[in-house]
Amino acid sequence: MDPEVISKLEAVCRELGLDSSLAHRIVREAKPSTGKSEGPDCAPSDGECVRAERDRLLRMEAEIMQLLGSSSRESIVHDLRNLLNELILLQELGRSRT
């Protein structure tokens, strides 16, 4: 996974007060639908390869939007933060009942 994406994910986890190990777990468990763990094995100058990688990333982005119920690609991070906030709230509610 792209180091910039990992860095952003870690920042979101920190912002929400979550342990950075959660970000690493998310990265570890995230698997592209193509079965490849990283990007293409060809040179960036290969136009066909670049288009294939773009298409793969667009499919992944669409799947993330669908899973989050996001209405636009710009709202993915916002919706992910909301989801994580709801998870934390539910965890705290569960703890307070015990």
PDB file of N, CA and C in Angstrom:
ATOM      1  N   MET A   1       0.851  -1.173   0.000  1.00  0.00           N
ATOM      2  CA  MET A   1       0.000   0.000   0.000  1.00  0.00           C
ATOM      3  C   MET A   1       0.891   1.229   0.000  1.00  0.00           C
ATOM      4  N   ASP A   2       0.428   2.278  -0.618  1.00  0.00           N
ATOM      5  CA  ASP A   2       1.161   3.529  -0.743  1.00  0.00           C
ATOM      6  C   ASP A   2       1.494   4.099   0.637  1.00  0.00           C
ATOM      7  N   PRO A   3       2.755   4.467   0.880  1.00  0.00           N
ATOM      8  CA  PRO A   3       3.145   5.025   2.189  1.00  0.00           C
ATOM      9  C   PRO A   3       2.346   6.273   2.561  1.00  0.00           C
ATOM     10  N   GLU A   4       1.954   7.062   1.571  1.00  0.00           N
ATOM     11  CA  GLU A   4       1.157   8.263   1.850  1.00  0.00           C
ATOM     12  C   GLU A   4      -0.213   7.883   2.407  1.00  0.00           C
ATOM     13  N   VAL A   5      -0.813   6.830   1.859  1.00  0.00           N
ATOM     14  CA  VAL A   5      -2.110   6.357   2.343  1.00  0.00           C
ATOM     15  C   VAL A   5      -1.971   5.845   3.769  1.00  0.00           C
ATOM     16  N   ILE A   6      -0.904   5.098   4.026  1.00  0.00           N
ATOM     17  CA  ILE A   6      -0.661   4.573   5.372  1.00  0.00           C
ATOM     18  C   ILE A   6      -0.492   5.724   6.353  1.00  0.00           C
ATOM     19  N   SER A   7       0.253   6.735   5.946  1.00  0.00           N
ATOM     20  CA  SER A   7       0.477   7.900   6.800  1.00  0.00           C
ATOM     21  C   SER A   7      -0.833   8.619   7.120  1.00  0.00           C
ATOM     22  N   LYS A   8      -1.684   8.787   6.106  1.00  0.00           N
ATOM     23  CA  LYS A   8      -2.983   9.435   6.323  1.00  0.00           C
ATOM     24  C   LYS A   8      -3.858   8.603   7.247  1.00  0.00           C
ATOM     25  N   LEU A   9      -3.843   7.295   7.060  1.00  0.00           N
ATOM     26  CA  LEU A   9      -4.631   6.402   7.904  1.00  0.00           C
ATOM     27  C   LEU A   9      -4.159   6.473   9.352  1.00  0.00           C
ATOM     28  N   GLU A  10      -2.848   6.491   9.547  1.00  0.00           N
ATOM     29  CA  GLU A  10      -2.306   6.618  10.904  1.00  0.00           C
ATOM     30  C   GLU A  10      -2.721   7.952  11.520  1.00  0.00           C
ATOM     31  N   ALA A  11      -2.714   9.024  10.723  1.00  0.00           N
ATOM     32  CA  ALA A  11      -3.107  10.337  11.225  1.00  0.00           C
ATOM     33  C   ALA A  11      -4.572  10.345  11.649  1.00  0.00           C
ATOM     34  N   VAL A  12      -5.427   9.713  10.858  1.00  0.00           N
ATOM     35  CA  VAL A  12      -6.846   9.635  11.202  1.00  0.00           C
ATOM     36  C   VAL A  12      -7.023   8.859  12.505  1.00  0.00           C
ATOM     37  N   CYS A  13      -6.303   7.749  12.639  1.00  0.00           N
ATOM     38  CA  CYS A  13      -6.390   6.954  13.869  1.00  0.00           C
ATOM     39  C   CYS A  13      -5.929   7.771  15.077  1.00  0.00           C
ATOM     40  N   ARG A  14      -4.823   8.513  14.920  1.00  0.00           N
ATOM     41  CA  ARG A  14      -4.334   9.361  16.019  1.00  0.00           C
ATOM     42  C   ARG A  14      -5.371  10.420  16.365  1.00  0.00           C
ATOM     43  N   GLU A  15      -5.945  11.039  15.340  1.00  0.00           N
ATOM     44  CA  GLU A  15      -6.941  12.088  15.546  1.00  0.00           C
ATOM     45  C   GLU A  15      -8.140  11.564  16.328  1.00  0.00           C
ATOM     46  N   LEU A  16      -8.471  10.316  16.098  1.00  0.00           N
ATOM     47  CA  LEU A  16      -9.606   9.702  16.782  1.00  0.00           C
ATOM     48  C   LEU A  16      -9.214   9.078  18.114  1.00  0.00           C
ATOM     49  N   GLY A  17      -7.934   9.177  18.459  1.00  0.00           N
ATOM     50  CA  GLY A  17      -7.473   8.629  19.723  1.00  0.00           C
ATOM     51  C   GLY A  17      -7.278   7.120  19.687  1.00  0.00           C
ATOM     52  N   LEU A  18      -7.128   6.565  18.497  1.00  0.00           N
ATOM     53  CA  LEU A  18      -6.935   5.125  18.352  1.00  0.00           C
ATOM     54  C   LEU A  18      -5.453   4.798  18.283  1.00  0.00           C
ATOM     55  N   ASP A  19      -5.105   3.617  18.688  1.00  0.00           N
ATOM     56  CA  ASP A  19      -3.728   3.149  18.648  1.00  0.00           C
ATOM     57  C   ASP A  19      -3.274   3.028  17.194  1.00  0.00           C
ATOM     58  N   SER A  20      -2.030   3.387  16.912  1.00  0.00           N
ATOM     59  CA  SER A  20      -1.521   3.316  15.537  1.00  0.00           C
ATOM     60  C   SER A  20      -1.472   1.881  15.025  1.00  0.00           C
ATOM     61  N   SER A  21      -1.489   0.920  15.937  1.00  0.00           N
ATOM     62  CA  SER A  21      -1.491  -0.478  15.490  1.00  0.00           C
ATOM     63  C   SER A  21      -2.764  -0.807  14.728  1.00  0.00           C
ATOM     64  N   LEU A  22      -3.845  -0.061  14.994  1.00  0.00           N
ATOM     65  CA  LEU A  22      -5.082  -0.267  14.241  1.00  0.00           C
ATOM     66  C   LEU A  22      -4.872   0.072  12.776  1.00  0.00           C
ATOM     67  N   ALA A  23      -4.150   1.156  12.504  1.00  0.00           N
ATOM     68  CA  ALA A  23      -3.861   1.529  11.115  1.00  0.00           C
ATOM     69  C   ALA A  23      -3.067   0.432  10.428  1.00  0.00           C
ATOM     70  N   HIS A  24      -2.087  -0.118  11.128  1.00  0.00           N
ATOM     71  CA  HIS A  24      -1.282  -1.195  10.543  1.00  0.00           C
ATOM     72  C   HIS A  24      -2.125  -2.450  10.315  1.00  0.00           C
ATOM     73  N   ARG A  25      -3.057  -2.717  11.224  1.00  0.00           N
ATOM     74  CA  ARG A  25      -3.938  -3.872  11.053  1.00  0.00           C
ATOM     75  C   ARG A  25      -4.845  -3.687   9.845  1.00  0.00           C
ATOM     76  N   ILE A  26      -5.360  -2.471   9.665  1.00  0.00           N
ATOM     77  CA  ILE A  26      -6.214  -2.174   8.511  1.00  0.00           C
ATOM     78  C   ILE A  26      -5.423  -2.393   7.231  1.00  0.00           C
ATOM     79  N   VAL A  27      -4.191  -1.897   7.196  1.00  0.00           N
ATOM     80  CA  VAL A  27      -3.341  -2.063   6.015  1.00  0.00           C
ATOM     81  C   VAL A  27      -3.067  -3.538   5.757  1.00  0.00           C
ATOM     82  N   ARG A  28      -2.769  -4.289   6.819  1.00  0.00           N
ATOM     83  CA  ARG A  28      -2.473  -5.709   6.687  1.00  0.00           C
ATOM     84  C   ARG A  28      -3.674  -6.489   6.150  1.00  0.00           C
ATOM     85  N   GLU A  29      -4.878  -6.110   6.599  1.00  0.00           N
ATOM     86  CA  GLU A  29      -6.071  -6.852   6.216  1.00  0.00           C
ATOM     87  C   GLU A  29      -6.673  -6.376   4.903  1.00  0.00           C
ATOM     88  N   ALA A  30      -6.273  -5.195   4.437  1.00  0.00           N
ATOM     89  CA  ALA A  30      -6.806  -4.674   3.177  1.00  0.00           C
ATOM     90  C   ALA A  30      -6.172  -5.422   2.020  1.00  0.00           C
ATOM     91  N   LYS A  31      -7.000  -6.005   1.188  1.00  0.00           N
ATOM     92  CA  LYS A  31      -6.490  -6.764   0.055  1.00  0.00           C
ATOM     93  C   LYS A  31      -7.234  -6.323  -1.199  1.00  0.00           C
ATOM     94  N   PRO A  32      -6.522  -5.879  -2.210  1.00  0.00           N
ATOM     95  CA  PRO A  32      -7.176  -5.511  -3.464  1.00  0.00           C
ATOM     96  C   PRO A  32      -7.889  -6.717  -4.059  1.00  0.00           C
ATOM     97  N   SER A  33      -8.955  -6.452  -4.781  1.00  0.00           N
ATOM     98  CA  SER A  33      -9.754  -7.531  -5.358  1.00  0.00           C
ATOM     99  C   SER A  33      -8.985  -8.327  -6.405  1.00  0.00           C
ATOM    100  N   THR A  34      -7.884  -7.786  -6.928  1.00  0.00           N
ATOM    101  CA  THR A  34      -7.099  -8.507  -7.931  1.00  0.00           C
ATOM    102  C   THR A  34      -6.224  -9.579  -7.313  1.00  0.00           C
ATOM    103  N   GLY A  35      -6.109  -9.558  -5.984  1.00  0.00           N
ATOM    104  CA  GLY A  35      -5.268 -10.537  -5.305  1.00  0.00           C
ATOM    105  C   GLY A  35      -3.828 -10.087  -5.179  1.00  0.00           C
ATOM    106  N   LYS A  36      -3.472  -8.988  -5.811  1.00  0.00           N
ATOM    107  CA  LYS A  36      -2.114  -8.464  -5.698  1.00  0.00           C
ATOM    108  C   LYS A  36      -2.043  -7.590  -4.454  1.00  0.00           C
ATOM    109  N   SER A  37      -0.921  -7.636  -3.750  1.00  0.00           N
ATOM    110  CA  SER A  37      -0.791  -6.851  -2.537  1.00  0.00           C
ATOM    111  C   SER A  37      -0.294  -5.436  -2.808  1.00  0.00           C
ATOM    112  N   GLU A  38       0.297  -5.212  -3.934  1.00  0.00           N
ATOM    113  CA  GLU A  38       0.826  -3.900  -4.277  1.00  0.00           C
ATOM    114  C   GLU A  38       0.421  -3.534  -5.693  1.00  0.00           C
ATOM    115  N   GLY A  39       1.039  -2.493  -6.220  1.00  0.00           N
ATOM    116  CA  GLY A  39       0.722  -2.006  -7.551  1.00  0.00           C
ATOM    117  C   GLY A  39       1.239  -2.915  -8.647  1.00  0.00           C
ATOM    118  N   PRO A  40       1.260  -2.419  -9.870  1.00  0.00           N
ATOM    119  CA  PRO A  40       1.646  -3.239 -11.012  1.00  0.00           C
ATOM    120  C   PRO A  40       3.125  -3.590 -10.999  1.00  0.00           C
ATOM    121  N   ASP A  41       3.461  -4.658 -11.724  1.00  0.00           N
ATOM    122  CA  ASP A  41       4.854  -5.097 -11.810  1.00  0.00           C
ATOM    123  C   ASP A  41       5.553  -4.538 -13.041  1.00  0.00           C
ATOM    124  N   CYS A  42       4.971  -3.591 -13.715  1.00  0.00           N
ATOM    125  CA  CYS A  42       5.569  -3.058 -14.938  1.00  0.00           C
ATOM    126  C   CYS A  42       5.999  -1.609 -14.737  1.00  0.00           C
ATOM    127  N   ALA A  43       6.751  -1.113 -15.683  1.00  0.00           N
ATOM    128  CA  ALA A  43       7.293   0.246 -15.607  1.00  0.00           C
ATOM    129  C   ALA A  43       6.184   1.285 -15.765  1.00  0.00           C
ATOM    130  N   PRO A  44       6.298   2.411 -15.031  1.00  0.00           N
ATOM    131  CA  PRO A  44       5.301   3.470 -15.150  1.00  0.00           C
ATOM    132  C   PRO A  44       5.194   4.048 -16.563  1.00  0.00           C
ATOM    133  N   SER A  45       6.226   3.859 -17.389  1.00  0.00           N
ATOM    134  CA  SER A  45       6.177   4.385 -18.756  1.00  0.00           C
ATOM    135  C   SER A  45       5.298   3.533 -19.671  1.00  0.00           C
ATOM    136  N   ASP A  46       4.901   2.349 -19.212  1.00  0.00           N
ATOM    137  CA  ASP A  46       4.042   1.459 -19.979  1.00  0.00           C
ATOM    138  C   ASP A  46       2.600   1.956 -19.860  1.00  0.00           C
ATOM    139  N   GLY A  47       2.099   2.579 -20.910  1.00  0.00           N
ATOM    140  CA  GLY A  47       0.768   3.188 -20.891  1.00  0.00           C
ATOM    141  C   GLY A  47      -0.334   2.205 -20.544  1.00  0.00           C
ATOM    142  N   GLU A  48      -0.279   1.004 -21.109  1.00  0.00           N
ATOM    143  CA  GLU A  48      -1.314   0.002 -20.843  1.00  0.00           C
ATOM    144  C   GLU A  48      -1.309  -0.402 -19.369  1.00  0.00           C
ATOM    145  N   CYS A  49      -0.121  -0.547 -18.818  1.00  0.00           N
ATOM    146  CA  CYS A  49       0.017  -0.918 -17.412  1.00  0.00           C
ATOM    147  C   CYS A  49      -0.525   0.198 -16.511  1.00  0.00           C
ATOM    148  N   VAL A  50      -0.222   1.427 -16.841  1.00  0.00           N
ATOM    149  CA  VAL A  50      -0.696   2.566 -16.051  1.00  0.00           C
ATOM    150  C   VAL A  50      -2.224   2.622 -16.086  1.00  0.00           C
ATOM    151  N   ARG A  51      -2.808   2.403 -17.264  1.00  0.00           N
ATOM    152  CA  ARG A  51      -4.268   2.399 -17.375  1.00  0.00           C
ATOM    153  C   ARG A  51      -4.874   1.260 -16.563  1.00  0.00           C
ATOM    154  N   ALA A  52      -4.243   0.092 -16.593  1.00  0.00           N
ATOM    155  CA  ALA A  52      -4.749  -1.047 -15.825  1.00  0.00           C
ATOM    156  C   ALA A  52      -4.699  -0.752 -14.324  1.00  0.00           C
ATOM    157  N   GLU A  53      -3.615  -0.134 -13.883  1.00  0.00           N
ATOM    158  CA  GLU A  53      -3.490   0.226 -12.470  1.00  0.00           C
ATOM    159  C   GLU A  53      -4.521   1.282 -12.098  1.00  0.00           C
ATOM    160  N   ARG A  54      -4.726   2.272 -12.965  1.00  0.00           N
ATOM    161  CA  ARG A  54      -5.746   3.297 -12.719  1.00  0.00           C
ATOM    162  C   ARG A  54      -7.118   2.649 -12.591  1.00  0.00           C
ATOM    163  N   ASP A  55      -7.432   1.738 -13.491  1.00  0.00           N
ATOM    164  CA  ASP A  55      -8.723   1.057 -13.444  1.00  0.00           C
ATOM    165  C   ASP A  55      -8.881   0.247 -12.158  1.00  0.00           C
ATOM    166  N   ARG A  56      -7.801  -0.418 -11.747  1.00  0.00           N
ATOM    167  CA  ARG A  56      -7.836  -1.192 -10.505  1.00  0.00           C
ATOM    168  C   ARG A  56      -8.102  -0.281  -9.310  1.00  0.00           C
ATOM    169  N   LEU A  57      -7.420   0.860  -9.279  1.00  0.00           N
ATOM    170  CA  LEU A  57      -7.604   1.797  -8.181  1.00  0.00           C
ATOM    171  C   LEU A  57      -9.009   2.411  -8.191  1.00  0.00           C
ATOM    172  N   LEU A  58      -9.534   2.693  -9.368  1.00  0.00           N
ATOM    173  CA  LEU A  58     -10.893   3.225  -9.463  1.00  0.00           C
ATOM    174  C   LEU A  58     -11.926   2.200  -8.978  1.00  0.00           C
ATOM    175  N   ARG A  59     -11.711   0.922  -9.323  1.00  0.00           N
ATOM    176  CA  ARG A  59     -12.624  -0.123  -8.828  1.00  0.00           C
ATOM    177  C   ARG A  59     -12.545  -0.225  -7.303  1.00  0.00           C
ATOM    178  N   MET A  60     -11.332  -0.140  -6.772  1.00  0.00           N
ATOM    179  CA  MET A  60     -11.150  -0.220  -5.329  1.00  0.00           C
ATOM    180  C   MET A  60     -11.813   0.985  -4.652  1.00  0.00           C
ATOM    181  N   GLU A  61     -11.631   2.161  -5.236  1.00  0.00           N
ATOM    182  CA  GLU A  61     -12.242   3.365  -4.690  1.00  0.00           C
ATOM    183  C   GLU A  61     -13.765   3.248  -4.703  1.00  0.00           C
ATOM    184  N   ALA A  62     -14.319   2.731  -5.798  1.00  0.00           N
ATOM    185  CA  ALA A  62     -15.767   2.548  -5.895  1.00  0.00           C
ATOM    186  C   ALA A  62     -16.268   1.565  -4.842  1.00  0.00           C
ATOM    187  N   GLU A  63     -15.496   0.502  -4.604  1.00  0.00           N
ATOM    188  CA  GLU A  63     -15.883  -0.481  -3.592  1.00  0.00           C
ATOM    189  C   GLU A  63     -15.848   0.135  -2.196  1.00  0.00           C
ATOM    190  N   ILE A  64     -14.840   0.940  -1.930  1.00  0.00           N
ATOM    191  CA  ILE A  64     -14.750   1.625  -0.633  1.00  0.00           C
ATOM    192  C   ILE A  64     -15.928   2.582  -0.467  1.00  0.00           C
ATOM    193  N   MET A  65     -16.246   3.322  -1.512  1.00  0.00           N
ATOM    194  CA  MET A  65     -17.388   4.240  -1.452  1.00  0.00           C
ATOM    195  C   MET A  65     -18.676   3.475  -1.168  1.00  0.00           C
ATOM    196  N   GLN A  66     -18.845   2.332  -1.817  1.00  0.00           N
ATOM    197  CA  GLN A  66     -20.046   1.533  -1.614  1.00  0.00           C
ATOM    198  C   GLN A  66     -20.108   1.017  -0.171  1.00  0.00           C
ATOM    199  N   LEU A  67     -18.987   0.504   0.329  1.00  0.00           N
ATOM    200  CA  LEU A  67     -18.956  -0.027   1.690  1.00  0.00           C
ATOM    201  C   LEU A  67     -19.237   1.051   2.732  1.00  0.00           C
ATOM    202  N   LEU A  68     -18.735   2.253   2.483  1.00  0.00           N
ATOM    203  CA  LEU A  68     -18.944   3.357   3.423  1.00  0.00           C
ATOM    204  C   LEU A  68     -20.274   4.067   3.205  1.00  0.00           C
ATOM    205  N   GLY A  69     -20.895   3.828   2.058  1.00  0.00           N
ATOM    206  CA  GLY A  69     -22.114   4.554   1.716  1.00  0.00           C
ATOM    207  C   GLY A  69     -21.816   5.997   1.345  1.00  0.00           C
ATOM    208  N   SER A  70     -20.616   6.251   0.826  1.00  0.00           N
ATOM    209  CA  SER A  70     -20.191   7.603   0.463  1.00  0.00           C
ATOM    210  C   SER A  70     -20.869   8.035  -0.827  1.00  0.00           C
ATOM    211  N   SER A  71     -21.214   9.306  -0.873  1.00  0.00           N
ATOM    212  CA  SER A  71     -21.864   9.829  -2.068  1.00  0.00           C
ATOM    213  C   SER A  71     -20.852  10.369  -3.084  1.00  0.00           C
ATOM    214  N   SER A  72     -19.644  10.647  -2.633  1.00  0.00           N
ATOM    215  CA  SER A  72     -18.618  11.149  -3.550  1.00  0.00           C
ATOM    216  C   SER A  72     -17.246  10.710  -3.060  1.00  0.00           C
ATOM    217  N   ARG A  73     -16.286  10.708  -3.971  1.00  0.00           N
ATOM    218  CA  ARG A  73     -14.937  10.294  -3.581  1.00  0.00           C
ATOM    219  C   ARG A  73     -14.308  11.278  -2.605  1.00  0.00           C
ATOM    220  N   GLU A  74     -14.725  12.532  -2.657  1.00  0.00           N
ATOM    221  CA  GLU A  74     -14.180  13.530  -1.737  1.00  0.00           C
ATOM    222  C   GLU A  74     -14.614  13.266  -0.302  1.00  0.00           C
ATOM    223  N   SER A  75     -15.710  12.543  -0.112  1.00  0.00           N
ATOM    224  CA  SER A  75     -16.223  12.326   1.242  1.00  0.00           C
ATOM    225  C   SER A  75     -15.742  11.021   1.873  1.00  0.00           C
ATOM    226  N   ILE A  76     -14.875  10.278   1.203  1.00  0.00           N
ATOM    227  CA  ILE A  76     -14.426   8.984   1.733  1.00  0.00           C
ATOM    228  C   ILE A  76     -13.757   9.143   3.102  1.00  0.00           C
ATOM    229  N   VAL A  77     -12.801  10.049   3.227  1.00  0.00           N
ATOM    230  CA  VAL A  77     -12.091  10.221   4.505  1.00  0.00           C
ATOM    231  C   VAL A  77     -13.054  10.695   5.579  1.00  0.00           C
ATOM    232  N   HIS A  78     -13.926  11.621   5.243  1.00  0.00           N
ATOM    233  CA  HIS A  78     -14.921  12.120   6.200  1.00  0.00           C
ATOM    234  C   HIS A  78     -15.821  10.977   6.676  1.00  0.00           C
ATOM    235  N   ASP A  79     -16.303  10.170   5.734  1.00  0.00           N
ATOM    236  CA  ASP A  79     -17.185   9.059   6.080  1.00  0.00           C
ATOM    237  C   ASP A  79     -16.454   7.996   6.891  1.00  0.00           C
ATOM    238  N   LEU A  80     -15.173   7.783   6.595  1.00  0.00           N
ATOM    239  CA  LEU A  80     -14.380   6.835   7.370  1.00  0.00           C
ATOM    240  C   LEU A  80     -14.212   7.333   8.798  1.00  0.00           C
ATOM    241  N   ARG A  81     -13.960   8.614   8.969  1.00  0.00           N
ATOM    242  CA  ARG A  81     -13.857   9.183  10.320  1.00  0.00           C
ATOM    243  C   ARG A  81     -15.165   9.008  11.072  1.00  0.00           C
ATOM    244  N   ASN A  82     -16.286   9.273  10.398  1.00  0.00           N
ATOM    245  CA  ASN A  82     -17.591   9.089  11.039  1.00  0.00           C
ATOM    246  C   ASN A  82     -17.789   7.640  11.481  1.00  0.00           C
ATOM    247  N   LEU A  83     -17.426   6.725  10.611  1.00  0.00           N
ATOM    248  CA  LEU A  83     -17.567   5.305  10.924  1.00  0.00           C
ATOM    249  C   LEU A  83     -16.713   4.927  12.134  1.00  0.00           C
ATOM    250  N   LEU A  84     -15.474   5.388  12.161  1.00  0.00           N
ATOM    251  CA  LEU A  84     -14.594   5.091  13.290  1.00  0.00           C
ATOM    252  C   LEU A  84     -15.104   5.741  14.574  1.00  0.00           C
ATOM    253  N   ASN A  85     -15.651   6.957  14.477  1.00  0.00           N
ATOM    254  CA  ASN A  85     -16.240   7.608  15.655  1.00  0.00           C
ATOM    255  C   ASN A  85     -17.412   6.787  16.191  1.00  0.00           C
ATOM    256  N   GLU A  86     -18.254   6.291  15.295  1.00  0.00           N
ATOM    257  CA  GLU A  86     -19.385   5.469  15.718  1.00  0.00           C
ATOM    258  C   GLU A  86     -18.903   4.184  16.376  1.00  0.00           C
ATOM    259  N   LEU A  87     -17.851   3.589  15.840  1.00  0.00           N
ATOM    260  CA  LEU A  87     -17.289   2.373  16.421  1.00  0.00           C
ATOM    261  C   LEU A  87     -16.786   2.641  17.838  1.00  0.00           C
ATOM    262  N   ILE A  88     -16.078   3.745  18.011  1.00  0.00           N
ATOM    263  CA  ILE A  88     -15.566   4.097  19.341  1.00  0.00           C
ATOM    264  C   ILE A  88     -16.717   4.320  20.307  1.00  0.00           C
ATOM    265  N   LEU A  89     -17.749   5.008  19.850  1.00  0.00           N
ATOM    266  CA  LEU A  89     -18.915   5.261  20.694  1.00  0.00           C
ATOM    267  C   LEU A  89     -19.573   3.952  21.115  1.00  0.00           C
ATOM    268  N   LEU A  90     -19.754   3.045  20.167  1.00  0.00           N
ATOM    269  CA  LEU A  90     -20.351   1.750  20.492  1.00  0.00           C
ATOM    270  C   LEU A  90     -19.475   0.958  21.460  1.00  0.00           C
ATOM    271  N   GLN A  91     -18.155   1.022  21.282  1.00  0.00           N
ATOM    272  CA  GLN A  91     -17.253   0.332  22.199  1.00  0.00           C
ATOM    273  C   GLN A  91     -17.365   0.909  23.608  1.00  0.00           C
ATOM    274  N   GLU A  92     -17.436   2.223  23.710  1.00  0.00           N
ATOM    275  CA  GLU A  92     -17.558   2.867  25.019  1.00  0.00           C
ATOM    276  C   GLU A  92     -18.895   2.541  25.669  1.00  0.00           C
ATOM    277  N   LEU A  93     -19.956   2.518  24.877  1.00  0.00           N
ATOM    278  CA  LEU A  93     -21.267   2.144  25.410  1.00  0.00           C
ATOM    279  C   LEU A  93     -21.254   0.715  25.934  1.00  0.00           C
ATOM    280  N   GLY A  94     -20.590  -0.171  25.177  1.00  0.00           N
ATOM    281  CA  GLY A  94     -20.472  -1.556  25.602  1.00  0.00           C
ATOM    282  C   GLY A  94     -19.691  -1.691  26.897  1.00  0.00           C
ATOM    283  N   ARG A  95     -18.632  -0.903  27.033  1.00  0.00           N
ATOM    284  CA  ARG A  95     -17.826  -0.940  28.261  1.00  0.00           C
ATOM    285  C   ARG A  95     -18.606  -0.403  29.459  1.00  0.00           C
ATOM    286  N   SER A  96     -19.405   0.637  29.233  1.00  0.00           N
ATOM    287  CA  SER A  96     -20.134   1.257  30.342  1.00  0.00           C
ATOM    288  C   SER A  96     -21.255   0.359  30.852  1.00  0.00           C
ATOM    289  N   ARG A  97     -21.701  -0.574  30.037  1.00  0.00           N
ATOM    290  CA  ARG A  97     -22.760  -1.495  30.476  1.00  0.00           C
ATOM    291  C   ARG A  97     -22.211  -2.637  31.325  1.00  0.00           C
ATOM    292  N   THR A  98     -20.913  -2.865  31.247  1.00  0.00           N
ATOM    293  CA  THR A  98     -20.349  -3.989  32.005  1.00  0.00           C
ATOM    294  C   THR A  98     -19.804  -3.545  33.339  1.00  0.00           C
TER     295      THR A  98
END
